Amino acid sequence: MECASGVLDPSPEGDYIDPIFTITGQAPAGNEIITMDTDFTINTLGYVAQIFTNLQNYVILILGLPLAFWGISKIISLFA
């Protein structure tokens, strides 16, 4: 359905539909159900990156320790 400006309007009645999900840097206007701060994605990605940075040492330890024991056993078997 097209409105007066000629732009395709996705609503079946051709009326404006109030958003229920907005990302704003201001307080909610009252008609939104969920509002998020504009820095939400930046902060969330920062936290996720920090988690992976902290887990890097544990992953290296979990993979490296058995590999080290395997390598040591192979070296000992060369001399035995």
C-alpha atoms as a PDB file:
ATOM      1  CA  MET A   1       0.000   0.000   0.000  1.00  0.00           C
ATOM      2  CA  GLU A   2       1.379   3.409  -0.919  1.00  0.00           C
ATOM      3  CA  CYS A   3       0.934   6.565   1.069  1.00  0.00           C
ATOM      4  CA  ALA A   4       0.654  10.119  -0.241  1.00  0.00           C
ATOM      5  CA  SER A   5       4.429  10.493  -0.666  1.00  0.00           C
ATOM      6  CA  GLY A   6       4.537   7.462  -2.974  1.00  0.00           C
ATOM      7  CA  VAL A   7       6.695   5.431  -0.576  1.00  0.00           C
ATOM      8  CA  LEU A   8       5.652   1.878   0.144  1.00  0.00           C
ATOM      9  CA  ASP A   9       4.050   1.664   3.575  1.00  0.00           C
ATOM     10  CA  PRO A  10       4.343  -1.782   5.186  1.00  0.00           C
ATOM     11  CA  SER A  11       1.351  -1.413   7.473  1.00  0.00           C
ATOM     12  CA  PRO A  12      -1.882  -2.979   6.180  1.00  0.00           C
ATOM     13  CA  GLU A  13      -4.008   0.071   6.951  1.00  0.00           C
ATOM     14  CA  GLY A  14      -1.438   2.570   5.686  1.00  0.00           C
ATOM     15  CA  ASP A  15      -1.163   4.174   9.119  1.00  0.00           C
ATOM     16  CA  TYR A  16       1.977   4.897  11.110  1.00  0.00           C
ATOM     17  CA  ILE A  17       2.852   2.195  13.624  1.00  0.00           C
ATOM     18  CA  ASP A  18       4.484   3.322  16.863  1.00  0.00           C
ATOM     19  CA  PRO A  19       7.810   1.600  17.483  1.00  0.00           C
ATOM     20  CA  ILE A  20       7.992  -0.791  20.413  1.00  0.00           C
ATOM     21  CA  PHE A  21      11.784  -1.111  20.270  1.00  0.00           C
ATOM     22  CA  THR A  22      14.009   1.933  20.007  1.00  0.00           C
ATOM     23  CA  ILE A  23      17.640   2.717  20.711  1.00  0.00           C
ATOM     24  CA  THR A  24      17.841   6.207  22.118  1.00  0.00           C
ATOM     25  CA  GLY A  25      20.151   8.310  24.183  1.00  0.00           C
ATOM     26  CA  GLN A  26      17.207   9.873  25.993  1.00  0.00           C
ATOM     27  CA  ALA A  27      14.572   8.827  28.472  1.00  0.00           C
ATOM     28  CA  PRO A  28      11.685   6.820  26.974  1.00  0.00           C
ATOM     29  CA  ALA A  29       8.815   8.841  25.581  1.00  0.00           C
ATOM     30  CA  GLY A  30       6.247   6.471  27.036  1.00  0.00           C
ATOM     31  CA  ASN A  31       5.139   4.497  23.977  1.00  0.00           C
ATOM     32  CA  GLU A  32       8.257   2.307  23.704  1.00  0.00           C
ATOM     33  CA  ILE A  33       8.392  -1.007  25.517  1.00  0.00           C
ATOM     34  CA  ILE A  34      12.163  -1.483  25.356  1.00  0.00           C
ATOM     35  CA  THR A  35      14.699   1.331  25.283  1.00  0.00           C
ATOM     36  CA  MET A  36      18.464   1.060  25.147  1.00  0.00           C
ATOM     37  CA  ASP A  37      21.226   3.555  25.538  1.00  0.00           C
ATOM     38  CA  THR A  38      23.177   4.404  22.391  1.00  0.00           C
ATOM     39  CA  ASP A  39      26.381   3.024  23.943  1.00  0.00           C
ATOM     40  CA  PHE A  40      24.746  -0.332  24.737  1.00  0.00           C
ATOM     41  CA  THR A  41      26.294  -2.243  21.835  1.00  0.00           C
ATOM     42  CA  ILE A  42      29.714  -0.675  22.347  1.00  0.00           C
ATOM     43  CA  ASN A  43      29.703  -1.538  26.043  1.00  0.00           C
ATOM     44  CA  THR A  44      28.404  -5.062  25.426  1.00  0.00           C
ATOM     45  CA  LEU A  45      31.027  -5.800  22.779  1.00  0.00           C
ATOM     46  CA  GLY A  46      33.673  -4.420  25.130  1.00  0.00           C
ATOM     47  CA  TYR A  47      32.574  -6.844  27.854  1.00  0.00           C
ATOM     48  CA  VAL A  48      32.571  -9.765  25.408  1.00  0.00           C
ATOM     49  CA  ALA A  49      36.064  -8.868  24.200  1.00  0.00           C
ATOM     50  CA  GLN A  50      37.266  -8.687  27.793  1.00  0.00           C
ATOM     51  CA  ILE A  51      35.838 -12.159  28.500  1.00  0.00           C
ATOM     52  CA  PHE A  52      37.683 -13.630  25.517  1.00  0.00           C
ATOM     53  CA  THR A  53      40.878 -11.847  26.541  1.00  0.00           C
ATOM     54  CA  ASN A  54      40.613 -13.327  30.028  1.00  0.00           C
ATOM     55  CA  LEU A  55      39.789 -16.802  28.702  1.00  0.00           C
ATOM     56  CA  GLN A  56      42.813 -16.815  26.390  1.00  0.00           C
ATOM     57  CA  ASN A  57      45.180 -17.794  29.212  1.00  0.00           C
ATOM     58  CA  TYR A  58      42.916 -20.635  30.333  1.00  0.00           C
ATOM     59  CA  VAL A  59      42.561 -21.977  26.796  1.00  0.00           C
ATOM     60  CA  ILE A  60      46.333 -21.927  26.356  1.00  0.00           C
ATOM     61  CA  LEU A  61      46.719 -23.755  29.673  1.00  0.00           C
ATOM     62  CA  ILE A  62      44.033 -26.341  28.881  1.00  0.00           C
ATOM     63  CA  LEU A  63      45.548 -27.105  25.469  1.00  0.00           C
ATOM     64  CA  GLY A  64      49.205 -26.596  26.345  1.00  0.00           C
ATOM     65  CA  LEU A  65      49.469 -28.668  29.513  1.00  0.00           C
ATOM     66  CA  PRO A  66      48.456 -32.018  27.963  1.00  0.00           C
ATOM     67  CA  LEU A  67      50.560 -31.197  24.910  1.00  0.00           C
ATOM     68  CA  ALA A  68      53.571 -30.529  27.140  1.00  0.00           C
ATOM     69  CA  PHE A  69      53.116 -33.851  28.961  1.00  0.00           C
ATOM     70  CA  TRP A  70      52.770 -35.629  25.618  1.00  0.00           C
ATOM     71  CA  GLY A  71      55.954 -33.975  24.358  1.00  0.00           C
ATOM     72  CA  ILE A  72      57.845 -34.840  27.540  1.00  0.00           C
ATOM     73  CA  SER A  73      56.730 -38.478  27.322  1.00  0.00           C
ATOM     74  CA  LYS A  74      57.896 -38.633  23.686  1.00  0.00           C
ATOM     75  CA  ILE A  75      61.299 -37.183  24.616  1.00  0.00           C
ATOM     76  CA  ILE A  76      61.668 -39.633  27.512  1.00  0.00           C
ATOM     77  CA  SER A  77      60.729 -42.526  25.214  1.00  0.00           C
ATOM     78  CA  LEU A  78      63.591 -41.526  22.859  1.00  0.00           C
ATOM     79  CA  PHE A  79      66.137 -42.088  25.623  1.00  0.00           C
ATOM     80  CA  ALA A  80      64.559 -45.141  27.206  1.00  0.00           C
END
